[in-house]
Amino acid sequence: MTSETHAQSDQSTRSKILQAATRVFAEKGFRDGTTRMICQEANVNVALVNYYFRSKHDLYKEVVLSLFEGSIPDLTEPLPPITDEASWREAIRRWVHQILIICAAEEPPLRNIAHLMGHEASLPSDVAQAFEKQLIIPLRDKFTALLRMGLKHPTETEINLWFSSVHAQCAIYAIAKPAWRLRYCPKGTPLETWLEQVTDHICNILFTGLSFQGNPA
């Protein structure tokens, strides 16, 4: 085996383990997803997992990094210029809609991100900092900046109340089983249409209590 072939084989094995770990962690979460499950899914032995990733903790961090890299660029990019009520409302609506798309996703990679979000929201793992740094903090900072613009005299309490309310309405789609959504989505309504309607509902509540004040983010 040439050095190039050996390197390709190494990369293939590493990728296979990473993909298997992504599926297992998305389904079971960090606590309940075991190294043995990952090995069975990838059809490799435990020694190879330790060789490529050193530990379950490091493997989970790698899963988080690989999932978020390039999957949700719009949500972590800086806010566009916001100068009036219309541009502020559009930014709010875009954020809410994109979060709902992730939380209710039915196909990978967004489905895997949603499931990880659900597990971390309901039962934070020992390595939750990796998840917080890559996704939660950037998303929160972006939305709280928009909330500040909508409050005359923004306080941390007000911002947290608004954020927690919107977050809960979106995150339930990541935490709950698909059957939960089917109870409320009218029969025959495509998921995309339903999420647009949920977005409008959430934003209508927001715009009843908030309006653009021109506050700096």
N, C-alpha and C. Protein backbone atom coordinates (compact mmCIF):
# COMPACT_ATOMS: atom_id res chain seq x y z
N MET A 1 0.84 -1.19 0.00
CA MET A 1 0.00 0.00 0.00
C MET A 1 0.88 1.25 0.00
N THR A 2 0.68 2.12 -0.96
CA THR A 2 1.46 3.34 -1.03
C THR A 2 1.03 4.29 0.09
N SER A 3 1.87 5.31 0.35
CA SER A 3 1.54 6.28 1.39
C SER A 3 0.26 7.04 1.05
N GLU A 4 0.07 7.30 -0.26
CA GLU A 4 -1.14 8.01 -0.67
C GLU A 4 -2.38 7.16 -0.45
N THR A 5 -2.27 5.87 -0.79
CA THR A 5 -3.39 4.95 -0.59
C THR A 5 -3.70 4.80 0.89
N HIS A 6 -2.64 4.73 1.69
CA HIS A 6 -2.82 4.60 3.14
C HIS A 6 -3.52 5.83 3.71
N ALA A 7 -3.14 7.01 3.23
CA ALA A 7 -3.77 8.25 3.70
C ALA A 7 -5.24 8.29 3.33
N GLN A 8 -5.55 7.82 2.10
CA GLN A 8 -6.95 7.79 1.65
C GLN A 8 -7.76 6.81 2.49
N SER A 9 -7.15 5.68 2.84
CA SER A 9 -7.83 4.69 3.67
C SER A 9 -8.09 5.25 5.06
N ASP A 10 -7.09 5.96 5.60
CA ASP A 10 -7.25 6.60 6.91
C ASP A 10 -8.40 7.59 6.90
N GLN A 11 -8.45 8.41 5.86
CA GLN A 11 -9.50 9.42 5.76
C GLN A 11 -10.87 8.79 5.61
N SER A 12 -10.93 7.70 4.84
CA SER A 12 -12.18 6.99 4.64
C SER A 12 -12.70 6.40 5.96
N THR A 13 -11.81 5.79 6.73
CA THR A 13 -12.20 5.21 8.01
C THR A 13 -12.64 6.29 8.98
N ARG A 14 -11.88 7.38 9.04
CA ARG A 14 -12.21 8.49 9.92
C ARG A 14 -13.58 9.07 9.57
N SER A 15 -13.83 9.25 8.27
CA SER A 15 -15.10 9.80 7.81
C SER A 15 -16.25 8.87 8.14
N LYS A 16 -16.01 7.56 8.00
CA LYS A 16 -17.06 6.57 8.29
C LYS A 16 -17.43 6.62 9.77
N ILE A 17 -16.44 6.74 10.63
CA ILE A 17 -16.70 6.83 12.07
C ILE A 17 -17.46 8.12 12.39
N LEU A 18 -17.04 9.22 11.77
CA LEU A 18 -17.67 10.51 12.03
C LEU A 18 -19.13 10.50 11.59
N GLN A 19 -19.42 9.92 10.44
CA GLN A 19 -20.79 9.85 9.95
C GLN A 19 -21.65 8.96 10.86
N ALA A 20 -21.07 7.86 11.30
CA ALA A 20 -21.80 6.97 12.22
C ALA A 20 -22.07 7.66 13.55
N ALA A 21 -21.09 8.37 14.05
CA ALA A 21 -21.26 9.09 15.32
C ALA A 21 -22.33 10.17 15.19
N THR A 22 -22.37 10.83 14.05
CA THR A 22 -23.39 11.86 13.82
C THR A 22 -24.78 11.26 13.92
N ARG A 23 -24.98 10.12 13.30
CA ARG A 23 -26.29 9.46 13.35
C ARG A 23 -26.64 9.01 14.76
N VAL A 24 -25.68 8.44 15.46
CA VAL A 24 -25.94 7.92 16.80
C VAL A 24 -26.21 9.06 17.79
N PHE A 25 -25.38 10.10 17.76
CA PHE A 25 -25.57 11.22 18.68
C PHE A 25 -26.87 11.98 18.38
N ALA A 26 -27.21 12.09 17.11
CA ALA A 26 -28.45 12.77 16.75
C ALA A 26 -29.66 12.00 17.25
N GLU A 27 -29.57 10.68 17.24
CA GLU A 27 -30.69 9.84 17.67
C GLU A 27 -30.73 9.69 19.19
N LYS A 28 -29.57 9.49 19.80
CA LYS A 28 -29.53 9.15 21.23
C LYS A 28 -29.07 10.28 22.13
N GLY A 29 -28.39 11.28 21.57
CA GLY A 29 -27.79 12.31 22.40
C GLY A 29 -26.41 11.87 22.88
N PHE A 30 -25.68 12.80 23.49
CA PHE A 30 -24.31 12.47 23.92
C PHE A 30 -24.30 11.45 25.05
N ARG A 31 -25.18 11.59 26.02
CA ARG A 31 -25.16 10.69 27.19
C ARG A 31 -25.49 9.25 26.82
N ASP A 32 -26.54 9.08 26.02
CA ASP A 32 -27.02 7.72 25.73
C ASP A 32 -26.39 7.11 24.48
N GLY A 33 -25.74 7.93 23.67
CA GLY A 33 -25.05 7.41 22.50
C GLY A 33 -23.68 6.88 22.90
N THR A 34 -23.49 5.58 22.86
CA THR A 34 -22.25 4.98 23.35
C THR A 34 -21.25 4.74 22.23
N THR A 35 -19.99 4.61 22.64
CA THR A 35 -18.93 4.29 21.67
C THR A 35 -19.22 2.95 21.00
N ARG A 36 -19.75 2.01 21.75
CA ARG A 36 -20.08 0.70 21.18
C ARG A 36 -21.12 0.83 20.06
N MET A 37 -22.14 1.67 20.29
CA MET A 37 -23.14 1.90 19.25
C MET A 37 -22.51 2.47 17.99
N ILE A 38 -21.61 3.42 18.19
CA ILE A 38 -20.94 4.07 17.05
C ILE A 38 -20.10 3.05 16.29
N CYS A 39 -19.40 2.19 17.02
CA CYS A 39 -18.58 1.17 16.38
C CYS A 39 -19.43 0.19 15.57
N GLN A 40 -20.57 -0.19 16.13
CA GLN A 40 -21.46 -1.09 15.41
C GLN A 40 -22.01 -0.42 14.14
N GLU A 41 -22.36 0.87 14.27
CA GLU A 41 -22.89 1.61 13.13
C GLU A 41 -21.84 1.76 12.02
N ALA A 42 -20.59 1.98 12.43
CA ALA A 42 -19.51 2.19 11.46
C ALA A 42 -18.82 0.89 11.06
N ASN A 43 -19.15 -0.17 11.78
CA ASN A 43 -18.52 -1.48 11.54
C ASN A 43 -17.00 -1.41 11.73
N VAL A 44 -16.59 -0.83 12.84
CA VAL A 44 -15.17 -0.74 13.19
C VAL A 44 -15.01 -1.13 14.66
N ASN A 45 -13.77 -1.31 15.10
CA ASN A 45 -13.55 -1.64 16.51
C ASN A 45 -13.27 -0.38 17.32
N VAL A 46 -13.37 -0.54 18.63
CA VAL A 46 -13.22 0.60 19.54
C VAL A 46 -11.84 1.24 19.42
N ALA A 47 -10.84 0.42 19.14
CA ALA A 47 -9.47 0.93 19.04
C ALA A 47 -9.35 2.00 17.95
N LEU A 48 -10.09 1.83 16.86
CA LEU A 48 -10.02 2.81 15.77
C LEU A 48 -10.67 4.13 16.17
N VAL A 49 -11.75 4.07 16.94
CA VAL A 49 -12.39 5.30 17.41
C VAL A 49 -11.41 6.07 18.30
N ASN A 50 -10.75 5.36 19.20
CA ASN A 50 -9.78 6.00 20.08
C ASN A 50 -8.57 6.52 19.30
N TYR A 51 -8.18 5.80 18.26
CA TYR A 51 -7.02 6.20 17.45
C TYR A 51 -7.29 7.51 16.71
N TYR A 52 -8.47 7.64 16.11
CA TYR A 52 -8.78 8.82 15.30
C TYR A 52 -9.31 10.00 16.12
N PHE A 53 -10.01 9.71 17.22
CA PHE A 53 -10.68 10.79 17.95
C PHE A 53 -10.32 10.87 19.44
N ARG A 54 -9.52 9.94 19.93
CA ARG A 54 -9.02 9.92 21.32
C ARG A 54 -10.08 9.61 22.37
N SER A 55 -11.26 10.22 22.26
CA SER A 55 -12.29 9.97 23.28
C SER A 55 -13.67 10.27 22.71
N LYS A 56 -14.68 9.83 23.43
CA LYS A 56 -16.06 10.11 23.04
C LYS A 56 -16.31 11.62 23.06
N HIS A 57 -15.75 12.31 24.05
CA HIS A 57 -15.91 13.77 24.14
C HIS A 57 -15.37 14.45 22.90
N ASP A 58 -14.16 14.08 22.49
CA ASP A 58 -13.54 14.71 21.32
C ASP A 58 -14.30 14.36 20.04
N LEU A 59 -14.81 13.15 19.98
CA LEU A 59 -15.60 12.74 18.81
C LEU A 59 -16.87 13.57 18.72
N TYR A 60 -17.52 13.81 19.86
CA TYR A 60 -18.74 14.62 19.86
C TYR A 60 -18.45 16.04 19.40
N LYS A 61 -17.37 16.60 19.89
CA LYS A 61 -16.99 17.95 19.47
C LYS A 61 -16.77 18.01 17.95
N GLU A 62 -16.13 16.97 17.43
CA GLU A 62 -15.88 16.92 15.99
C GLU A 62 -17.19 16.81 15.21
N VAL A 63 -18.14 16.06 15.74
CA VAL A 63 -19.47 15.96 15.12
C VAL A 63 -20.13 17.33 15.06
N VAL A 64 -20.09 18.05 16.18
CA VAL A 64 -20.69 19.39 16.24
C VAL A 64 -20.05 20.32 15.21
N LEU A 65 -18.73 20.33 15.16
CA LEU A 65 -18.01 21.21 14.23
C LEU A 65 -18.34 20.87 12.78
N SER A 66 -18.35 19.58 12.46
CA SER A 66 -18.59 19.16 11.08
C SER A 66 -20.03 19.44 10.65
N LEU A 67 -20.97 19.33 11.59
CA LEU A 67 -22.37 19.59 11.26
C LEU A 67 -22.63 21.05 10.97
N PHE A 68 -22.06 21.92 11.78
CA PHE A 68 -22.38 23.34 11.68
C PHE A 68 -21.57 24.07 10.61
N GLU A 69 -20.47 23.50 10.20
CA GLU A 69 -19.61 24.17 9.23
C GLU A 69 -20.32 24.23 7.87
N GLY A 70 -20.78 25.41 7.51
CA GLY A 70 -21.42 25.62 6.21
C GLY A 70 -22.88 25.25 6.16
N SER A 71 -23.44 24.68 7.25
CA SER A 71 -24.84 24.25 7.21
C SER A 71 -25.82 25.39 7.48
N ILE A 72 -25.41 26.35 8.31
CA ILE A 72 -26.32 27.43 8.69
C ILE A 72 -25.62 28.79 8.62
N PRO A 73 -25.02 29.11 7.48
CA PRO A 73 -24.24 30.36 7.41
C PRO A 73 -25.06 31.61 7.64
N ASP A 74 -26.30 31.67 7.15
CA ASP A 74 -27.11 32.88 7.27
C ASP A 74 -27.39 33.25 8.72
N LEU A 75 -27.51 32.26 9.57
CA LEU A 75 -27.88 32.52 10.96
C LEU A 75 -26.72 33.03 11.80
N THR A 76 -25.50 32.78 11.37
CA THR A 76 -24.35 33.21 12.16
C THR A 76 -23.61 34.38 11.52
N GLU A 77 -24.03 34.81 10.34
CA GLU A 77 -23.41 35.96 9.70
C GLU A 77 -23.90 37.25 10.36
N PRO A 78 -23.14 38.34 10.23
CA PRO A 78 -23.58 39.63 10.80
C PRO A 78 -24.93 40.06 10.25
N LEU A 79 -25.66 40.85 11.02
CA LEU A 79 -26.95 41.36 10.58
C LEU A 79 -26.79 42.28 9.38
N PRO A 80 -27.74 42.27 8.47
CA PRO A 80 -27.71 43.23 7.36
C PRO A 80 -28.04 44.62 7.89
N PRO A 81 -27.80 45.67 7.11
CA PRO A 81 -28.14 47.03 7.57
C PRO A 81 -29.63 47.13 7.90
N ILE A 82 -29.95 47.65 9.08
CA ILE A 82 -31.34 47.81 9.50
C ILE A 82 -31.55 49.29 9.81
N THR A 83 -32.41 49.91 9.05
CA THR A 83 -32.57 51.36 9.17
C THR A 83 -33.98 51.80 9.47
N ASP A 84 -34.95 50.88 9.36
CA ASP A 84 -36.34 51.28 9.57
C ASP A 84 -37.17 50.07 10.00
N GLU A 85 -38.46 50.32 10.21
CA GLU A 85 -39.37 49.27 10.67
C GLU A 85 -39.42 48.09 9.70
N ALA A 86 -39.45 48.38 8.40
CA ALA A 86 -39.58 47.32 7.41
C ALA A 86 -38.36 46.40 7.41
N SER A 87 -37.16 46.96 7.42
CA SER A 87 -35.95 46.14 7.39
C SER A 87 -35.77 45.38 8.71
N TRP A 88 -36.20 46.01 9.81
CA TRP A 88 -36.13 45.33 11.11
C TRP A 88 -37.09 44.14 11.15
N ARG A 89 -38.32 44.35 10.69
CA ARG A 89 -39.29 43.25 10.68
C ARG A 89 -38.83 42.11 9.77
N GLU A 90 -38.26 42.45 8.64
CA GLU A 90 -37.77 41.42 7.72
C GLU A 90 -36.67 40.60 8.36
N ALA A 91 -35.75 41.25 9.10
CA ALA A 91 -34.67 40.54 9.77
C ALA A 91 -35.21 39.62 10.87
N ILE A 92 -36.20 40.10 11.62
CA ILE A 92 -36.84 39.28 12.65
C ILE A 92 -37.49 38.06 12.03
N ARG A 93 -38.26 38.30 10.98
CA ARG A 93 -38.99 37.20 10.35
C ARG A 93 -38.02 36.17 9.76
N ARG A 94 -36.95 36.64 9.16
CA ARG A 94 -35.97 35.74 8.55
C ARG A 94 -35.33 34.85 9.62
N TRP A 95 -34.99 35.45 10.76
CA TRP A 95 -34.37 34.68 11.84
C TRP A 95 -35.32 33.60 12.35
N VAL A 96 -36.56 33.99 12.65
CA VAL A 96 -37.54 33.03 13.17
C VAL A 96 -37.78 31.90 12.17
N HIS A 97 -37.94 32.25 10.91
CA HIS A 97 -38.22 31.24 9.89
C HIS A 97 -37.05 30.27 9.72
N GLN A 98 -35.83 30.78 9.73
CA GLN A 98 -34.67 29.90 9.57
C GLN A 98 -34.51 28.97 10.77
N ILE A 99 -34.79 29.47 11.96
CA ILE A 99 -34.72 28.61 13.14
C ILE A 99 -35.77 27.49 13.05
N LEU A 100 -36.97 27.84 12.63
CA LEU A 100 -38.02 26.82 12.47
C LEU A 100 -37.64 25.78 11.43
N ILE A 101 -37.03 26.22 10.34
CA ILE A 101 -36.61 25.28 9.29
C ILE A 101 -35.63 24.26 9.85
N ILE A 102 -34.70 24.74 10.67
CA ILE A 102 -33.72 23.83 11.29
C ILE A 102 -34.41 22.89 12.27
N CYS A 103 -35.21 23.46 13.16
CA CYS A 103 -35.83 22.66 14.23
C CYS A 103 -36.79 21.60 13.69
N ALA A 104 -37.45 21.90 12.59
CA ALA A 104 -38.44 20.96 12.05
C ALA A 104 -37.91 20.15 10.86
N ALA A 105 -36.61 20.22 10.61
CA ALA A 105 -36.02 19.56 9.44
C ALA A 105 -36.26 18.05 9.47
N GLU A 106 -36.49 17.51 8.29
CA GLU A 106 -36.75 16.07 8.17
C GLU A 106 -35.61 15.32 7.49
N GLU A 107 -34.64 16.05 6.94
CA GLU A 107 -33.52 15.43 6.24
C GLU A 107 -32.20 15.97 6.79
N PRO A 108 -31.15 15.12 6.80
CA PRO A 108 -29.84 15.61 7.22
C PRO A 108 -29.27 16.57 6.17
N PRO A 109 -28.36 17.47 6.57
CA PRO A 109 -27.75 17.57 7.90
C PRO A 109 -28.60 18.36 8.91
N LEU A 110 -29.59 19.13 8.43
CA LEU A 110 -30.36 19.96 9.36
C LEU A 110 -31.13 19.12 10.37
N ARG A 111 -31.61 17.97 9.96
CA ARG A 111 -32.33 17.10 10.90
C ARG A 111 -31.41 16.69 12.05
N ASN A 112 -30.16 16.38 11.73
CA ASN A 112 -29.21 15.99 12.77
C ASN A 112 -28.92 17.15 13.71
N ILE A 113 -28.80 18.35 13.15
CA ILE A 113 -28.60 19.54 13.97
C ILE A 113 -29.79 19.75 14.89
N ALA A 114 -30.99 19.60 14.35
CA ALA A 114 -32.21 19.77 15.15
C ALA A 114 -32.26 18.78 16.30
N HIS A 115 -31.93 17.53 16.03
CA HIS A 115 -31.97 16.52 17.07
C HIS A 115 -30.93 16.80 18.16
N LEU A 116 -29.74 17.23 17.74
CA LEU A 116 -28.73 17.59 18.72
C LEU A 116 -29.18 18.78 19.56
N MET A 117 -29.82 19.76 18.89
CA MET A 117 -30.37 20.91 19.62
C MET A 117 -31.38 20.44 20.66
N GLY A 118 -32.22 19.51 20.27
CA GLY A 118 -33.24 19.00 21.18
C GLY A 118 -32.63 18.30 22.38
N HIS A 119 -31.63 17.45 22.13
CA HIS A 119 -30.98 16.74 23.23
C HIS A 119 -30.28 17.72 24.17
N GLU A 120 -29.58 18.70 23.60
CA GLU A 120 -28.84 19.65 24.44
C GLU A 120 -29.78 20.57 25.21
N ALA A 121 -30.93 20.88 24.63
CA ALA A 121 -31.89 21.75 25.30
C ALA A 121 -32.53 21.04 26.49
N SER A 122 -32.84 19.76 26.33
CA SER A 122 -33.54 19.03 27.39
C SER A 122 -32.60 18.39 28.40
N LEU A 123 -31.41 17.99 27.94
CA LEU A 123 -30.45 17.34 28.83
C LEU A 123 -29.04 17.69 28.38
N PRO A 124 -28.53 18.86 28.79
CA PRO A 124 -27.20 19.31 28.34
C PRO A 124 -26.12 18.27 28.64
N SER A 125 -25.22 18.09 27.70
CA SER A 125 -24.15 17.11 27.86
C SER A 125 -22.98 17.71 28.62
N ASP A 126 -22.00 16.84 28.92
CA ASP A 126 -20.79 17.30 29.61
C ASP A 126 -19.93 18.19 28.72
N VAL A 127 -20.17 18.13 27.45
CA VAL A 127 -19.38 18.94 26.51
C VAL A 127 -20.28 19.96 25.81
N ALA A 128 -21.25 20.45 26.54
CA ALA A 128 -22.21 21.39 25.96
C ALA A 128 -21.57 22.68 25.50
N GLN A 129 -20.39 23.00 26.03
CA GLN A 129 -19.72 24.24 25.64
C GLN A 129 -19.43 24.27 24.15
N ALA A 130 -19.08 23.13 23.58
CA ALA A 130 -18.81 23.08 22.15
C ALA A 130 -20.06 23.45 21.36
N PHE A 131 -21.19 22.93 21.80
CA PHE A 131 -22.47 23.21 21.14
C PHE A 131 -22.84 24.67 21.32
N GLU A 132 -22.67 25.18 22.53
CA GLU A 132 -22.99 26.58 22.82
C GLU A 132 -22.17 27.51 21.94
N LYS A 133 -20.87 27.24 21.85
CA LYS A 133 -19.96 28.13 21.11
C LYS A 133 -20.27 28.14 19.63
N GLN A 134 -20.59 26.98 19.07
CA GLN A 134 -20.78 26.88 17.64
C GLN A 134 -22.15 27.34 17.17
N LEU A 135 -23.16 27.21 18.00
CA LEU A 135 -24.51 27.51 17.52
C LEU A 135 -25.31 28.42 18.44
N ILE A 136 -25.48 28.04 19.69
CA ILE A 136 -26.43 28.73 20.56
C ILE A 136 -26.06 30.19 20.79
N ILE A 137 -24.81 30.44 21.16
CA ILE A 137 -24.40 31.82 21.46
C ILE A 137 -24.51 32.73 20.24
N PRO A 138 -23.99 32.32 19.06
CA PRO A 138 -24.15 33.19 17.88
C PRO A 138 -25.61 33.46 17.52
N LEU A 139 -26.45 32.44 17.64
CA LEU A 139 -27.87 32.62 17.32
C LEU A 139 -28.53 33.55 18.32
N ARG A 140 -28.23 33.36 19.58
CA ARG A 140 -28.83 34.20 20.62
C ARG A 140 -28.39 35.65 20.47
N ASP A 141 -27.09 35.85 20.25
CA ASP A 141 -26.57 37.22 20.12
C ASP A 141 -27.21 37.96 18.96
N LYS A 142 -27.42 37.25 17.86
CA LYS A 142 -28.01 37.88 16.68
C LYS A 142 -29.45 38.29 16.95
N PHE A 143 -30.22 37.41 17.59
CA PHE A 143 -31.63 37.72 17.82
C PHE A 143 -31.81 38.75 18.93
N THR A 144 -30.99 38.67 19.97
CA THR A 144 -31.12 39.66 21.04
C THR A 144 -30.75 41.06 20.54
N ALA A 145 -29.85 41.13 19.56
CA ALA A 145 -29.52 42.42 18.96
C ALA A 145 -30.76 43.00 18.28
N LEU A 146 -31.53 42.14 17.62
CA LEU A 146 -32.77 42.59 16.97
C LEU A 146 -33.81 42.99 18.02
N LEU A 147 -33.88 42.25 19.12
CA LEU A 147 -34.83 42.59 20.16
C LEU A 147 -34.51 43.95 20.79
N ARG A 148 -33.25 44.23 20.98
CA ARG A 148 -32.85 45.53 21.54
C ARG A 148 -33.35 46.68 20.67
N MET A 149 -33.33 46.47 19.36
CA MET A 149 -33.79 47.51 18.44
C MET A 149 -35.29 47.75 18.56
N GLY A 150 -36.01 46.80 19.12
CA GLY A 150 -37.46 46.91 19.20
C GLY A 150 -37.98 47.37 20.55
N LEU A 151 -37.08 47.67 21.47
CA LEU A 151 -37.48 48.09 22.82
C LEU A 151 -37.03 49.52 23.09
N LYS A 152 -37.92 50.32 23.66
CA LYS A 152 -37.57 51.72 23.94
C LYS A 152 -36.44 51.81 24.96
N HIS A 153 -36.59 51.06 26.05
CA HIS A 153 -35.59 51.06 27.11
C HIS A 153 -35.26 49.60 27.44
N PRO A 154 -34.49 48.96 26.57
CA PRO A 154 -34.24 47.52 26.74
C PRO A 154 -33.51 47.19 28.03
N THR A 155 -34.05 46.22 28.75
CA THR A 155 -33.38 45.68 29.93
C THR A 155 -33.08 44.21 29.67
N GLU A 156 -32.14 43.67 30.43
CA GLU A 156 -31.78 42.27 30.25
C GLU A 156 -32.98 41.37 30.50
N THR A 157 -33.81 41.74 31.48
CA THR A 157 -34.98 40.93 31.79
C THR A 157 -35.96 40.90 30.61
N GLU A 158 -36.26 42.07 30.05
CA GLU A 158 -37.18 42.13 28.91
C GLU A 158 -36.66 41.31 27.73
N ILE A 159 -35.39 41.49 27.44
CA ILE A 159 -34.78 40.78 26.31
C ILE A 159 -34.85 39.28 26.53
N ASN A 160 -34.53 38.83 27.74
CA ASN A 160 -34.56 37.40 28.04
C ASN A 160 -35.97 36.83 27.96
N LEU A 161 -36.96 37.60 28.40
CA LEU A 161 -38.35 37.14 28.33
C LEU A 161 -38.79 36.96 26.88
N TRP A 162 -38.51 37.94 26.04
CA TRP A 162 -38.88 37.83 24.63
C TRP A 162 -38.12 36.69 23.95
N PHE A 163 -36.83 36.60 24.23
CA PHE A 163 -36.03 35.55 23.60
C PHE A 163 -36.50 34.17 24.02
N SER A 164 -36.72 33.97 25.31
CA SER A 164 -37.14 32.66 25.79
C SER A 164 -38.49 32.25 25.23
N SER A 165 -39.38 33.22 25.04
CA SER A 165 -40.70 32.93 24.48
C SER A 165 -40.59 32.44 23.04
N VAL A 166 -39.83 33.16 22.23
CA VAL A 166 -39.67 32.78 20.82
C VAL A 166 -38.88 31.47 20.72
N HIS A 167 -37.84 31.36 21.51
CA HIS A 167 -37.00 30.16 21.48
C HIS A 167 -37.83 28.91 21.81
N ALA A 168 -38.69 29.01 22.81
CA ALA A 168 -39.51 27.86 23.20
C ALA A 168 -40.45 27.44 22.08
N GLN A 169 -41.03 28.42 21.39
CA GLN A 169 -41.97 28.11 20.31
C GLN A 169 -41.28 27.44 19.12
N CYS A 170 -40.01 27.73 18.94
CA CYS A 170 -39.26 27.11 17.84
C CYS A 170 -38.64 25.78 18.27
N ALA A 171 -38.04 25.77 19.47
CA ALA A 171 -37.29 24.60 19.91
C ALA A 171 -38.15 23.37 20.12
N ILE A 172 -39.44 23.55 20.37
CA ILE A 172 -40.32 22.40 20.57
C ILE A 172 -40.31 21.48 19.36
N TYR A 173 -40.08 22.04 18.18
CA TYR A 173 -40.03 21.22 16.96
C TYR A 173 -38.79 20.33 16.93
N ALA A 174 -37.73 20.76 17.61
CA ALA A 174 -36.52 19.94 17.68
C ALA A 174 -36.61 18.90 18.78
N ILE A 175 -37.36 19.22 19.84
CA ILE A 175 -37.45 18.33 21.00
C ILE A 175 -38.52 17.26 20.82
N ALA A 176 -39.67 17.66 20.29
CA ALA A 176 -40.81 16.75 20.19
C ALA A 176 -40.65 15.76 19.03
N LYS A 177 -41.35 14.66 19.14
CA LYS A 177 -41.39 13.67 18.07
C LYS A 177 -42.24 14.19 16.92
N PRO A 178 -42.03 13.69 15.69
CA PRO A 178 -42.81 14.16 14.54
C PRO A 178 -44.32 14.10 14.75
N ALA A 179 -44.78 13.12 15.53
CA ALA A 179 -46.23 12.98 15.75
C ALA A 179 -46.81 14.21 16.43
N TRP A 180 -45.98 14.90 17.24
CA TRP A 180 -46.47 16.11 17.91
C TRP A 180 -46.86 17.16 16.88
N ARG A 181 -46.01 17.35 15.88
CA ARG A 181 -46.28 18.37 14.86
C ARG A 181 -47.55 18.02 14.08
N LEU A 182 -47.75 16.73 13.84
CA LEU A 182 -48.91 16.31 13.05
C LEU A 182 -50.23 16.61 13.74
N ARG A 183 -50.20 16.77 15.06
CA ARG A 183 -51.43 17.11 15.79
C ARG A 183 -51.93 18.50 15.43
N TYR A 184 -51.01 19.38 15.05
CA TYR A 184 -51.37 20.78 14.83
C TYR A 184 -51.32 21.20 13.37
N CYS A 185 -50.47 20.58 12.61
CA CYS A 185 -50.39 20.90 11.18
C CYS A 185 -51.61 20.33 10.48
N PRO A 186 -52.43 21.18 9.85
CA PRO A 186 -53.64 20.68 9.18
C PRO A 186 -53.33 19.58 8.16
N LYS A 187 -54.15 18.59 8.12
CA LYS A 187 -53.95 17.46 7.23
C LYS A 187 -53.85 17.94 5.79
N GLY A 188 -52.83 17.47 5.11
CA GLY A 188 -52.63 17.84 3.70
C GLY A 188 -51.82 19.10 3.50
N THR A 189 -51.48 19.81 4.60
CA THR A 189 -50.69 21.03 4.49
C THR A 189 -49.21 20.66 4.45
N PRO A 190 -48.49 21.07 3.41
CA PRO A 190 -47.04 20.78 3.35
C PRO A 190 -46.31 21.42 4.52
N LEU A 191 -45.23 20.79 4.95
CA LEU A 191 -44.45 21.29 6.07
C LEU A 191 -43.99 22.72 5.81
N GLU A 192 -43.54 23.00 4.59
CA GLU A 192 -43.04 24.33 4.27
C GLU A 192 -44.12 25.40 4.49
N THR A 193 -45.34 25.08 4.09
CA THR A 193 -46.47 26.02 4.26
C THR A 193 -46.78 26.22 5.74
N TRP A 194 -46.78 25.11 6.49
CA TRP A 194 -47.05 25.19 7.92
C TRP A 194 -46.02 26.04 8.64
N LEU A 195 -44.75 25.88 8.30
CA LEU A 195 -43.70 26.66 8.96
C LEU A 195 -43.81 28.15 8.62
N GLU A 196 -44.25 28.46 7.42
CA GLU A 196 -44.50 29.86 7.06
C GLU A 196 -45.60 30.44 7.94
N GLN A 197 -46.64 29.64 8.16
CA GLN A 197 -47.76 30.09 8.98
C GLN A 197 -47.35 30.25 10.45
N VAL A 198 -46.54 29.33 10.93
CA VAL A 198 -46.05 29.43 12.32
C VAL A 198 -45.16 30.66 12.45
N THR A 199 -44.32 30.90 11.45
CA THR A 199 -43.47 32.09 11.45
C THR A 199 -44.31 33.36 11.54
N ASP A 200 -45.35 33.44 10.72
CA ASP A 200 -46.23 34.62 10.74
C ASP A 200 -46.87 34.80 12.11
N HIS A 201 -47.30 33.69 12.70
CA HIS A 201 -47.96 33.74 14.01
C HIS A 201 -47.00 34.29 15.08
N ILE A 202 -45.80 33.74 15.13
CA ILE A 202 -44.81 34.18 16.11
C ILE A 202 -44.46 35.65 15.90
N CYS A 203 -44.26 36.04 14.64
CA CYS A 203 -43.87 37.42 14.35
C CYS A 203 -45.00 38.40 14.64
N ASN A 204 -46.23 38.00 14.40
CA ASN A 204 -47.36 38.88 14.70
C ASN A 204 -47.42 39.20 16.18
N ILE A 205 -47.13 38.22 17.02
CA ILE A 205 -47.09 38.45 18.47
C ILE A 205 -45.95 39.41 18.81
N LEU A 206 -44.79 39.17 18.21
CA LEU A 206 -43.64 40.04 18.45
C LEU A 206 -43.94 41.48 18.06
N PHE A 207 -44.54 41.66 16.88
CA PHE A 207 -44.76 43.00 16.36
C PHE A 207 -45.90 43.73 17.08
N THR A 208 -46.69 42.98 17.83
CA THR A 208 -47.71 43.62 18.66
C THR A 208 -47.08 44.30 19.87
N GLY A 209 -46.01 43.69 20.40
CA GLY A 209 -45.37 44.24 21.59
C GLY A 209 -44.12 45.04 21.33
N LEU A 210 -43.55 44.91 20.14
CA LEU A 210 -42.30 45.59 19.81
C LEU A 210 -42.43 46.38 18.51
N SER A 211 -41.64 47.42 18.39
CA SER A 211 -41.54 48.17 17.14
C SER A 211 -40.16 48.79 17.05
N PHE A 212 -39.71 49.03 15.84
CA PHE A 212 -38.34 49.52 15.64
C PHE A 212 -38.13 50.85 16.33
N GLN A 213 -37.11 50.91 17.19
CA GLN A 213 -36.79 52.10 17.95
C GLN A 213 -35.46 52.74 17.54
N GLY A 214 -34.75 52.05 16.66
CA GLY A 214 -33.45 52.55 16.24
C GLY A 214 -32.36 52.38 17.26
N ASN A 215 -32.60 51.51 18.26
CA ASN A 215 -31.58 51.27 19.27
C ASN A 215 -30.38 50.57 18.67
N PRO A 216 -29.17 50.93 19.06
CA PRO A 216 -27.98 50.22 18.57
C PRO A 216 -27.99 48.78 19.04
N ALA A 217 -27.52 47.87 18.17
CA ALA A 217 -27.51 46.44 18.52
C ALA A 217 -26.49 46.16 19.61
